């Protein structure tokens, strides 16, 4: 049996207070709806008797963890959770309440789509939903959606897929095409949340038992104390984490810099994120083609405030990874949250499939997102900085480097090959390219080399002193 709307609301939120949309113009409603659909009034009466609801959605305010939010929950038992005009009234009223109270909006979706008995009067509610979503987004308020079984048609295309963060319950149907209108012989697995997650269209699949905690953690990050400031301070620069080489010692040559950045035991992005954040939640996928496991994006809690992060994990970055980074930076801008980027890639992935997936346009999206960012972006090079695929992630004027890193216009081996030099000349090429981290500072590309954290590796990096610049960076500056 599907869980009812009120049972789910009781699970995820405390102190839920139901709200009702304002009354419309007085007058007797048309019999059987705007189309005069035979028996429509009887259908609604039976649905009300069966569910106890007057419409397919219930909305109100409640607390998730320590954050008050507007909640909008679908009752699938009421005409399949379909969207009609009165459904649109409630969805609009929920958004208006969220904006009036500066509250985040959580939508728990379970719908078969637009209500056929109301025809086009029902379908145009999707435009109404899209308008309200856009207004709430423009107001800088976070929107979270939970995909339940089923979420199809316009409900998937607007309420779910249009949210900032999209979560899903395991095994749920999620597709534009409902189960009765799909091509004959279509694989049912292609219409599940698992397939949508693999394709980069939603962020995470969450077991129902974990949903209350997950939603509370997300809201604490996106709408908790200290968020939403119009001009947030930059993210503090992390310390460098100790690697297998001499702690904190700068490399003597370009060849040594490259070797240290490529060392198997060097700390990678996950270690930096674990050391920097007390709690974090990830987003996943570019919303159009897929996800890149070599890029970690999300929001975390550092020293009591939220910081967005985008981190390369040392692998060639795929187009989906770059598009996810651009999505993260733009979302952080709307929500007034500063951004930290961790750079570590030999370069952009450059296989035939990567080119077909739009490697160039995807990298361009990140360059544009950083250039247009309305919140401060702080960048730290923690390993390899391979050409434009790495530079796209770097904030101009706010880039720092670790002792175990190098930045290069191209890898020294490839530079030697292009210049028609033998392999024995690769070390000389590395010197001529000036690849040491201190070279990046002297060339004006980076602001400084961060100090290495000593003691416990899990100590969050805070305001580390920086060689190569005067003084100590205050809050990332």
Protein backbone atom coordinates (compact mmCIF):
# COMPACT_ATOMS: atom_id res chain seq x y z
CA UNK A 1 0.00 0.00 0.00
CA UNK A 2 1.16 3.52 -0.80
CA UNK A 3 1.69 5.74 2.20
CA UNK A 4 -0.88 8.52 2.49
CA UNK A 5 0.02 12.18 2.25
CA UNK A 6 -0.73 12.86 5.90
CA UNK A 7 1.19 9.83 7.12
CA UNK A 8 4.24 10.92 5.14
CA UNK A 9 3.96 14.49 6.41
CA UNK A 10 3.82 13.16 9.97
CA UNK A 11 6.99 11.16 9.33
CA UNK A 12 9.13 13.95 7.90
CA UNK A 13 7.91 17.08 9.72
CA UNK A 14 7.06 18.14 13.23
CA UNK A 15 4.35 20.65 14.17
CA UNK A 16 2.71 20.44 10.74
CA UNK A 17 0.01 23.07 10.30
CA UNK A 18 -2.23 22.64 7.28
CA UNK A 19 -3.02 25.69 5.18
CA UNK A 20 -5.81 26.30 2.69
CA UNK A 21 -5.83 28.39 -0.48
CA UNK A 22 -7.77 31.64 -0.45
CA UNK A 23 -11.37 31.44 -1.65
CA UNK A 24 -11.95 32.15 -5.29
CA UNK A 25 -14.79 34.26 -6.72
CA UNK A 26 -18.20 33.37 -5.33
CA UNK A 27 -20.47 31.41 -7.62
CA UNK A 28 -21.81 27.96 -8.24
CA UNK A 29 -19.09 25.71 -9.80
CA UNK A 30 -19.92 24.20 -13.15
CA UNK A 31 -21.41 20.73 -12.96
CA UNK A 32 -18.81 18.01 -13.62
CA UNK A 33 -16.01 20.54 -14.04
CA UNK A 34 -15.02 22.91 -16.86
CA UNK A 35 -15.61 20.28 -19.57
CA UNK A 36 -18.85 18.94 -18.13
CA UNK A 37 -17.17 15.53 -18.00
CA UNK A 38 -19.92 13.00 -17.21
CA UNK A 39 -19.60 11.68 -13.68
CA UNK A 40 -16.64 13.89 -12.70
CA UNK A 41 -18.41 15.21 -9.59
CA UNK A 42 -19.11 11.65 -8.50
CA UNK A 43 -15.47 10.67 -9.04
CA UNK A 44 -14.32 13.50 -6.79
CA UNK A 45 -16.89 12.61 -4.14
CA UNK A 46 -15.70 8.99 -4.09
CA UNK A 47 -12.07 10.11 -3.94
CA UNK A 48 -12.87 12.36 -0.99
CA UNK A 49 -14.72 9.57 0.82
CA UNK A 50 -11.86 7.15 0.21
CA UNK A 51 -8.99 9.47 1.24
CA UNK A 52 -10.58 12.11 3.42
CA UNK A 53 -9.04 14.80 1.19
CA UNK A 54 -10.71 17.52 -0.85
CA UNK A 55 -7.91 17.66 -3.45
CA UNK A 56 -4.85 15.73 -4.59
CA UNK A 57 -2.41 17.83 -2.55
CA UNK A 58 -2.08 18.82 1.10
CA UNK A 59 0.12 21.77 2.05
CA UNK A 60 1.19 23.67 5.12
CA UNK A 61 4.14 24.56 7.30
CA UNK A 62 6.22 22.32 9.55
CA UNK A 63 9.67 21.88 11.03
CA UNK A 64 12.26 19.54 9.60
CA UNK A 65 15.05 19.32 12.13
CA UNK A 66 15.50 22.89 13.26
CA UNK A 67 14.25 24.56 10.07
CA UNK A 68 10.71 25.69 9.33
CA UNK A 69 9.56 24.97 5.77
CA UNK A 70 6.51 24.92 3.55
CA UNK A 71 5.58 21.33 2.67
CA UNK A 72 3.46 20.29 -0.31
CA UNK A 73 2.49 16.60 -0.38
CA UNK A 74 0.53 14.70 -3.02
CA UNK A 75 -2.21 12.23 -2.13
CA UNK A 76 -2.08 9.66 -4.92
CA UNK A 77 -5.29 8.04 -3.72
CA UNK A 78 -7.20 11.14 -4.83
CA UNK A 79 -7.63 10.63 -8.59
CA UNK A 80 -4.07 9.38 -9.01
CA UNK A 81 -2.58 12.57 -7.57
CA UNK A 82 -3.56 14.32 -10.79
CA UNK A 83 -3.21 18.06 -11.30
CA UNK A 84 -6.38 20.07 -11.84
CA UNK A 85 -7.27 23.72 -11.39
CA UNK A 86 -7.82 23.40 -7.64
CA UNK A 87 -4.51 21.55 -7.37
CA UNK A 88 -2.90 24.51 -9.08
CA UNK A 89 -4.56 26.83 -6.54
CA UNK A 90 -2.88 24.95 -3.70
CA UNK A 91 0.52 24.73 -5.36
CA UNK A 92 0.50 28.46 -6.05
CA UNK A 93 -0.62 29.22 -2.50
CA UNK A 94 2.23 27.08 -1.13
CA UNK A 95 4.79 29.04 -3.15
CA UNK A 96 3.26 32.36 -2.14
CA UNK A 97 3.45 31.33 1.52
CA UNK A 98 7.07 30.27 1.12
CA UNK A 99 8.06 33.59 -0.41
CA UNK A 100 6.09 35.62 2.15
CA UNK A 101 7.78 33.83 5.04
CA UNK A 102 11.20 33.43 3.40
CA UNK A 103 10.86 29.66 3.88
CA UNK A 104 12.26 26.76 1.87
CA UNK A 105 9.76 24.62 -0.04
CA UNK A 106 9.69 20.80 0.09
CA UNK A 107 7.45 18.99 -2.40
CA UNK A 108 6.68 15.30 -1.90
CA UNK A 109 5.49 14.25 -5.35
CA UNK A 110 3.31 11.31 -6.38
CA UNK A 111 1.22 12.02 -9.45
CA UNK A 112 0.10 10.50 -12.71
CA UNK A 113 0.05 13.87 -14.46
CA UNK A 114 -2.64 16.32 -15.56
CA UNK A 115 -6.32 15.55 -14.89
CA UNK A 116 -8.01 14.50 -18.13
CA UNK A 117 -11.49 15.35 -16.84
CA UNK A 118 -10.49 19.03 -16.90
CA UNK A 119 -8.72 18.93 -20.28
CA UNK A 120 -6.55 21.89 -21.21
CA UNK A 121 -7.70 23.77 -18.13
CA UNK A 122 -5.72 21.15 -16.20
CA UNK A 123 -2.72 21.07 -18.52
CA UNK A 124 -2.11 24.81 -18.31
CA UNK A 125 -1.55 24.38 -14.57
CA UNK A 126 1.95 23.26 -15.56
CA UNK A 127 2.64 26.79 -16.78
CA UNK A 128 1.31 28.09 -13.49
CA UNK A 129 3.57 25.71 -11.56
CA UNK A 130 6.58 26.70 -13.67
CA UNK A 131 5.89 30.39 -13.01
CA UNK A 132 5.67 29.88 -9.26
CA UNK A 133 8.83 27.78 -9.25
CA UNK A 134 10.65 30.52 -11.14
CA UNK A 135 9.45 33.22 -8.73
CA UNK A 136 10.54 31.20 -5.70
CA UNK A 137 13.91 30.51 -7.32
CA UNK A 138 14.35 34.21 -8.08
CA UNK A 139 13.57 34.96 -4.42
CA UNK A 140 16.65 32.93 -3.45
CA UNK A 141 14.71 30.23 -1.60
CA UNK A 142 15.70 26.56 -1.82
CA UNK A 143 13.30 24.05 -3.35
CA UNK A 144 13.59 20.33 -2.62
CA UNK A 145 11.56 17.58 -4.26
CA UNK A 146 11.06 13.96 -3.26
CA UNK A 147 10.05 11.62 -6.09
CA UNK A 148 7.58 8.95 -4.91
CA UNK A 149 5.84 6.20 -6.83
CA UNK A 150 4.72 7.16 -9.39
CA UNK A 151 5.88 10.57 -10.55
CA UNK A 152 5.04 10.94 -14.23
CA UNK A 153 3.85 13.45 -16.79
CA UNK A 154 3.88 17.13 -16.02
CA UNK A 155 4.45 16.48 -12.33
CA UNK A 156 7.85 15.00 -13.14
CA UNK A 157 8.62 17.70 -15.72
CA UNK A 158 7.84 20.64 -13.42
CA UNK A 159 7.44 19.95 -9.70
CA UNK A 160 10.15 17.29 -9.45
CA UNK A 161 12.74 17.92 -12.14
CA UNK A 162 12.54 21.69 -11.64
CA UNK A 163 13.65 21.61 -7.98
CA UNK A 164 17.12 22.60 -6.80
CA UNK A 165 17.68 19.22 -5.14
CA UNK A 166 15.81 16.12 -6.32
CA UNK A 167 15.65 13.09 -4.01
CA UNK A 168 13.78 9.86 -4.73
CA UNK A 169 12.45 6.80 -2.96
CA UNK A 170 13.83 3.46 -4.22
CA UNK A 171 11.95 1.68 -6.98
CA UNK A 172 9.64 4.59 -7.80
CA UNK A 173 8.52 5.25 -11.35
CA UNK A 174 9.85 8.59 -12.61
CA UNK A 175 9.28 9.54 -16.22
CA UNK A 176 7.43 11.92 -18.47
CA UNK A 177 5.62 8.95 -20.00
CA UNK A 178 3.14 7.21 -17.74
CA UNK A 179 2.91 3.43 -17.67
CA UNK A 180 -0.08 3.26 -20.08
CA UNK A 181 1.33 5.50 -22.81
CA UNK A 182 4.83 4.06 -23.28
CA UNK A 183 5.94 2.39 -26.51
CA UNK A 184 5.02 -1.26 -26.76
CA UNK A 185 7.80 -3.46 -25.40
CA UNK A 186 9.63 -0.59 -23.68
CA UNK A 187 11.90 -1.70 -20.85
CA UNK A 188 10.17 -0.73 -17.57
CA UNK A 189 13.57 -0.24 -15.92
CA UNK A 190 14.18 2.80 -18.12
CA UNK A 191 11.32 4.61 -16.36
CA UNK A 192 12.56 4.27 -12.79
CA UNK A 193 14.34 6.60 -10.41
CA UNK A 194 17.38 4.34 -10.64
CA UNK A 195 17.57 5.00 -14.40
CA UNK A 196 16.97 8.71 -13.91
CA UNK A 197 19.76 8.84 -11.32
CA UNK A 198 22.21 7.09 -13.65
CA UNK A 199 21.28 9.58 -16.37
CA UNK A 200 22.06 12.55 -14.11
CA UNK A 201 18.47 13.71 -13.66
CA UNK A 202 18.18 13.43 -9.89
CA UNK A 203 20.59 13.74 -6.99
CA UNK A 204 20.12 10.81 -4.66
CA UNK A 205 17.93 7.78 -3.97
CA UNK A 206 16.98 7.73 -0.28
CA UNK A 207 15.34 4.85 1.61
CA UNK A 208 12.07 5.95 3.16
CA UNK A 209 13.38 5.37 6.70
CA UNK A 210 16.23 7.84 6.03
CA UNK A 211 14.07 10.51 4.40
CA UNK A 212 13.31 12.63 7.53
CA UNK A 213 16.99 12.84 8.49
CA UNK A 214 18.14 13.50 4.93
CA UNK A 215 15.63 16.31 4.39
CA UNK A 216 16.53 17.87 7.74
CA UNK A 217 20.25 17.80 6.88
CA UNK A 218 19.63 19.37 3.49
CA UNK A 219 17.49 22.15 4.94
CA UNK A 220 20.05 22.85 7.66
CA UNK A 221 22.62 23.40 4.92
CA UNK A 222 20.50 25.38 2.47
CA UNK A 223 18.22 27.32 4.82
CA UNK A 224 19.76 27.12 8.29
CA UNK A 225 21.24 29.95 10.37
CA UNK A 226 23.85 31.97 8.52
CA UNK A 227 22.52 31.24 5.03
CA UNK A 228 20.79 33.60 2.63
CA UNK A 229 23.00 36.64 3.20
CA UNK A 230 23.14 38.83 0.13
CA UNK A 231 26.93 39.22 0.36
CA UNK A 232 28.42 36.13 2.02
CA UNK A 233 32.06 36.12 3.07
CA UNK A 234 34.36 33.97 0.94
CA UNK A 235 35.01 30.39 1.96
CA UNK A 236 38.20 30.09 4.05
CA UNK A 237 41.18 28.49 2.31
CA UNK A 238 41.78 24.90 3.50
CA UNK A 239 45.12 23.75 4.81
CA UNK A 240 47.13 21.39 2.64
CA UNK A 241 46.91 17.82 3.95
CA UNK A 242 50.16 15.91 4.60
CA UNK A 243 51.23 13.72 1.71
CA UNK A 244 53.80 10.94 1.27
CA UNK A 245 56.54 13.46 0.45
CA UNK A 246 58.35 15.81 2.84
CA UNK A 247 55.67 17.64 4.82
CA UNK A 248 55.20 21.09 3.40
CA UNK A 249 58.56 21.24 1.60
CA UNK A 250 58.32 22.86 -1.80
CA UNK A 251 59.63 20.86 -4.79
CA UNK A 252 63.06 21.73 -6.15
CA UNK A 253 62.23 21.09 -9.80
CA UNK A 254 59.35 20.85 -12.22
CA UNK A 255 59.90 17.12 -12.53
CA UNK A 256 59.60 16.70 -8.77
CA UNK A 257 56.46 18.85 -8.71
CA UNK A 258 54.81 16.62 -11.31
CA UNK A 259 55.88 13.43 -9.52
CA UNK A 260 54.53 14.65 -6.19
CA UNK A 261 51.21 15.71 -7.72
CA UNK A 262 50.85 12.29 -9.34
CA UNK A 263 51.93 10.29 -6.27
CA UNK A 264 49.54 7.44 -5.50
CA UNK A 265 49.44 8.17 -1.76
CA UNK A 266 48.71 11.88 -2.07
CA UNK A 267 45.49 13.10 -0.36
CA UNK A 268 42.65 13.49 -2.82
CA UNK A 269 39.47 15.55 -2.85
CA UNK A 270 37.45 13.27 -0.55
CA UNK A 271 40.08 13.59 2.19
CA UNK A 272 40.08 17.37 1.86
CA UNK A 273 36.29 17.54 2.02
CA UNK A 274 36.15 15.26 5.08
CA UNK A 275 38.76 17.42 6.82
CA UNK A 276 37.09 20.71 5.93
CA UNK A 277 33.40 19.98 6.56
CA UNK A 278 31.58 18.86 9.70
CA UNK A 279 28.68 17.63 7.54
CA UNK A 280 28.03 17.61 3.82
CA UNK A 281 25.44 16.51 1.27
CA UNK A 282 26.13 15.84 -2.40
CA UNK A 283 24.26 16.71 -5.55
CA UNK A 284 24.67 14.46 -8.55
CA UNK A 285 24.23 14.78 -12.28
CA UNK A 286 24.12 17.47 -14.91
CA UNK A 287 20.35 17.21 -15.55
CA UNK A 288 20.88 16.36 -19.21
CA UNK A 289 23.23 13.44 -19.91
CA UNK A 290 24.79 11.80 -16.89
CA UNK A 291 27.05 12.03 -13.87
CA UNK A 292 30.83 12.01 -13.44
CA UNK A 293 32.07 10.00 -10.46
CA UNK A 294 35.36 11.90 -10.69
CA UNK A 295 33.72 15.15 -9.59
CA UNK A 296 32.18 15.74 -6.15
CA UNK A 297 29.69 18.60 -5.78
CA UNK A 298 27.47 19.62 -2.92
CA UNK A 299 27.05 21.74 0.19
CA UNK A 300 28.80 21.37 3.53
CA UNK A 301 28.99 22.91 6.99
CA UNK A 302 32.30 24.61 7.82
CA UNK A 303 32.76 26.50 11.08
CA UNK A 304 29.00 26.81 11.48
CA UNK A 305 28.17 28.14 8.03
CA UNK A 306 27.34 26.61 4.68
CA UNK A 307 29.86 26.44 1.84
CA UNK A 308 29.18 24.97 -1.60
CA UNK A 309 31.93 22.80 -3.04
CA UNK A 310 33.00 21.41 -6.41
CA UNK A 311 35.98 19.06 -6.33
CA UNK A 312 37.87 17.11 -8.98
CA UNK A 313 39.12 13.72 -7.81
CA UNK A 314 42.26 13.33 -9.94
CA UNK A 315 40.64 11.78 -13.01
CA UNK A 316 40.04 13.35 -16.44
CA UNK A 317 36.85 15.37 -16.03
CA UNK A 318 33.95 14.41 -18.28
CA UNK A 319 31.43 16.83 -19.81
CA UNK A 320 28.77 15.74 -17.30
CA UNK A 321 31.17 16.66 -14.50
CA UNK A 322 31.71 20.16 -15.83
CA UNK A 323 27.98 20.72 -16.30
CA UNK A 324 27.35 19.58 -12.72
CA UNK A 325 29.96 22.06 -11.48
CA UNK A 326 28.28 24.87 -13.41
CA UNK A 327 24.92 23.83 -11.97
CA UNK A 328 26.41 23.88 -8.44
CA UNK A 329 27.94 27.36 -8.81
CA UNK A 330 24.73 28.84 -10.20
CA UNK A 331 22.61 27.25 -7.48
CA UNK A 332 25.00 28.59 -4.83
CA UNK A 333 24.64 32.04 -6.36
CA UNK A 334 20.85 31.95 -6.15
CA UNK A 335 21.03 30.83 -2.53
CA UNK A 336 23.79 33.33 -1.58
CA UNK A 337 26.26 30.62 -0.51
CA UNK A 338 30.05 30.98 -1.10
CA UNK A 339 31.82 28.37 -3.22
CA UNK A 340 35.03 26.37 -2.71
CA UNK A 341 36.57 24.55 -5.68
CA UNK A 342 39.28 21.90 -5.35
CA UNK A 343 41.26 21.38 -8.54
CA UNK A 344 42.88 18.05 -9.38
CA UNK A 345 42.76 16.66 -12.91
CA UNK A 346 45.29 15.71 -15.60
CA UNK A 347 42.88 17.48 -17.95
CA UNK A 348 39.47 17.21 -19.53
CA UNK A 349 38.43 13.80 -20.83
CA UNK A 350 39.03 13.86 -24.58
CA UNK A 351 37.72 10.59 -26.05
CA UNK A 352 35.29 10.49 -28.99
CA UNK A 353 32.31 10.05 -26.66
CA UNK A 354 33.41 13.06 -24.61
CA UNK A 355 33.52 15.19 -27.75
CA UNK A 356 30.06 13.95 -28.77
CA UNK A 357 28.83 14.83 -25.28
CA UNK A 358 30.04 18.40 -25.69
CA UNK A 359 33.36 18.66 -23.86
CA UNK A 360 34.05 22.16 -25.18
CA UNK A 361 30.61 23.64 -24.42
CA UNK A 362 30.63 21.99 -20.97
CA UNK A 363 34.00 23.51 -20.07
CA UNK A 364 32.73 26.83 -21.40
CA UNK A 365 29.78 26.59 -19.00
CA UNK A 366 32.13 26.38 -16.03
CA UNK A 367 34.30 29.28 -17.20
CA UNK A 368 31.10 31.32 -17.59
CA UNK A 369 29.64 30.23 -14.24
CA UNK A 370 32.83 31.26 -12.40
CA UNK A 371 33.07 34.53 -14.32
CA UNK A 372 29.42 35.39 -13.66
CA UNK A 373 29.32 34.15 -10.05
CA UNK A 374 27.41 36.48 -7.76
CA UNK A 375 29.04 34.92 -4.68
CA UNK A 376 32.77 34.65 -3.93
CA UNK A 377 34.54 31.57 -5.30
CA UNK A 378 37.69 30.34 -3.53
CA UNK A 379 39.93 27.79 -5.31
CA UNK A 380 42.68 25.46 -4.12
CA UNK A 381 44.88 23.38 -6.44
CA UNK A 382 45.48 20.12 -4.53
CA UNK A 383 47.17 18.03 -7.25
CA UNK A 384 47.41 18.15 -11.02
CA UNK A 385 46.27 21.26 -12.82
CA UNK A 386 46.05 20.05 -16.37
CA UNK A 387 45.41 22.84 -18.85
CA UNK A 388 41.99 24.42 -19.46
CA UNK A 389 40.21 21.45 -17.95
CA UNK A 390 41.64 22.51 -14.60
CA UNK A 391 41.72 26.28 -15.15
CA UNK A 392 37.94 26.34 -15.69
CA UNK A 393 37.52 25.50 -12.00
CA UNK A 394 39.91 28.23 -10.79
CA UNK A 395 38.64 31.56 -9.53
CA UNK A 396 40.67 34.46 -10.97
CA UNK A 397 42.46 36.23 -8.13
CA UNK A 398 41.34 33.67 -5.52
CA UNK A 399 43.47 30.64 -6.37
CA UNK A 400 45.87 29.04 -3.90
CA UNK A 401 48.08 25.97 -4.38
CA UNK A 402 49.39 23.19 -2.14
CA UNK A 403 53.05 22.05 -1.96
CA UNK A 404 52.10 18.83 -3.78
CA UNK A 405 50.59 20.42 -6.87
CA UNK A 406 51.45 21.83 -10.28
CA UNK A 407 49.62 23.90 -12.87
CA UNK A 408 50.55 23.69 -16.53
CA UNK A 409 49.36 24.84 -19.90
CA UNK A 410 49.93 21.19 -20.91
CA UNK A 411 51.52 18.09 -19.41
CA UNK A 412 55.32 18.14 -19.89
CA UNK A 413 55.26 14.83 -21.81
CA UNK A 414 52.72 16.21 -24.28
CA UNK A 415 54.56 19.51 -24.58
CA UNK A 416 57.77 17.65 -25.46
CA UNK A 417 55.93 15.57 -28.07
CA UNK A 418 54.35 18.65 -29.67
CA UNK A 419 57.75 20.36 -29.77
CA UNK A 420 59.21 17.18 -31.36
CA UNK A 421 61.54 16.57 -28.45
CA UNK A 422 62.63 13.13 -27.31
CA UNK A 423 61.45 11.61 -24.04
CA UNK A 424 64.84 12.36 -22.51
CA UNK A 425 64.00 16.06 -22.82
CA UNK A 426 60.79 15.86 -20.77
CA UNK A 427 62.58 17.01 -17.54
CA UNK A 428 64.03 20.01 -19.36
CA UNK A 429 60.59 20.82 -20.76
CA UNK A 430 59.13 20.63 -17.26
CA UNK A 431 61.69 23.21 -16.08
CA UNK A 432 60.99 25.52 -19.00
CA UNK A 433 57.24 25.35 -18.32
CA UNK A 434 57.88 26.42 -14.70
CA UNK A 435 55.54 23.90 -13.09
CA UNK A 436 56.43 24.20 -9.39
CA UNK A 437 53.71 25.58 -7.09
CA UNK A 438 55.96 28.49 -6.14
CA UNK A 439 56.32 29.25 -9.85
CA UNK A 440 52.54 29.63 -10.11
CA UNK A 441 52.75 32.26 -7.37
CA UNK A 442 55.68 34.09 -8.96
CA UNK A 443 53.93 34.09 -12.34
CA UNK A 444 50.89 35.72 -10.74
CA UNK A 445 48.58 32.77 -11.44
CA UNK A 446 48.14 31.85 -7.76
CA UNK A 447 48.07 34.02 -4.65
CA UNK A 448 50.13 31.72 -2.49
CA UNK A 449 51.14 28.26 -1.34
CA UNK A 450 49.07 27.12 1.64
CA UNK A 451 50.71 25.70 4.72
CA UNK A 452 50.40 22.00 5.51
CA UNK A 453 48.18 20.99 8.41
CA UNK A 454 50.06 19.18 11.15
CA UNK A 455 48.57 16.87 13.72
CA UNK A 456 45.18 15.29 13.09
CA UNK A 457 44.42 15.00 9.38
CA UNK A 458 40.73 15.56 10.08
CA UNK A 459 41.29 19.03 11.52
CA UNK A 460 39.27 21.48 9.40
CA UNK A 461 41.44 23.97 7.53
CA UNK A 462 40.91 27.48 8.84
CA UNK A 463 42.75 30.63 7.84
CA UNK A 464 46.06 28.91 7.12
CA UNK A 465 49.07 31.14 6.58
CA UNK A 466 50.12 31.46 2.99
CA UNK A 467 53.61 31.72 1.55
CA UNK A 468 54.03 34.01 -1.39
CA UNK A 469 51.62 36.69 -0.21
CA UNK A 470 51.74 39.16 2.63
CA UNK A 471 49.90 38.25 5.79
CA UNK A 472 47.18 35.68 6.41
CA UNK A 473 44.11 35.26 4.20
CA UNK A 474 41.02 36.36 6.11
CA UNK A 475 38.04 34.17 5.23
CA UNK A 476 39.57 33.18 1.92
CA UNK A 477 40.78 36.62 0.88
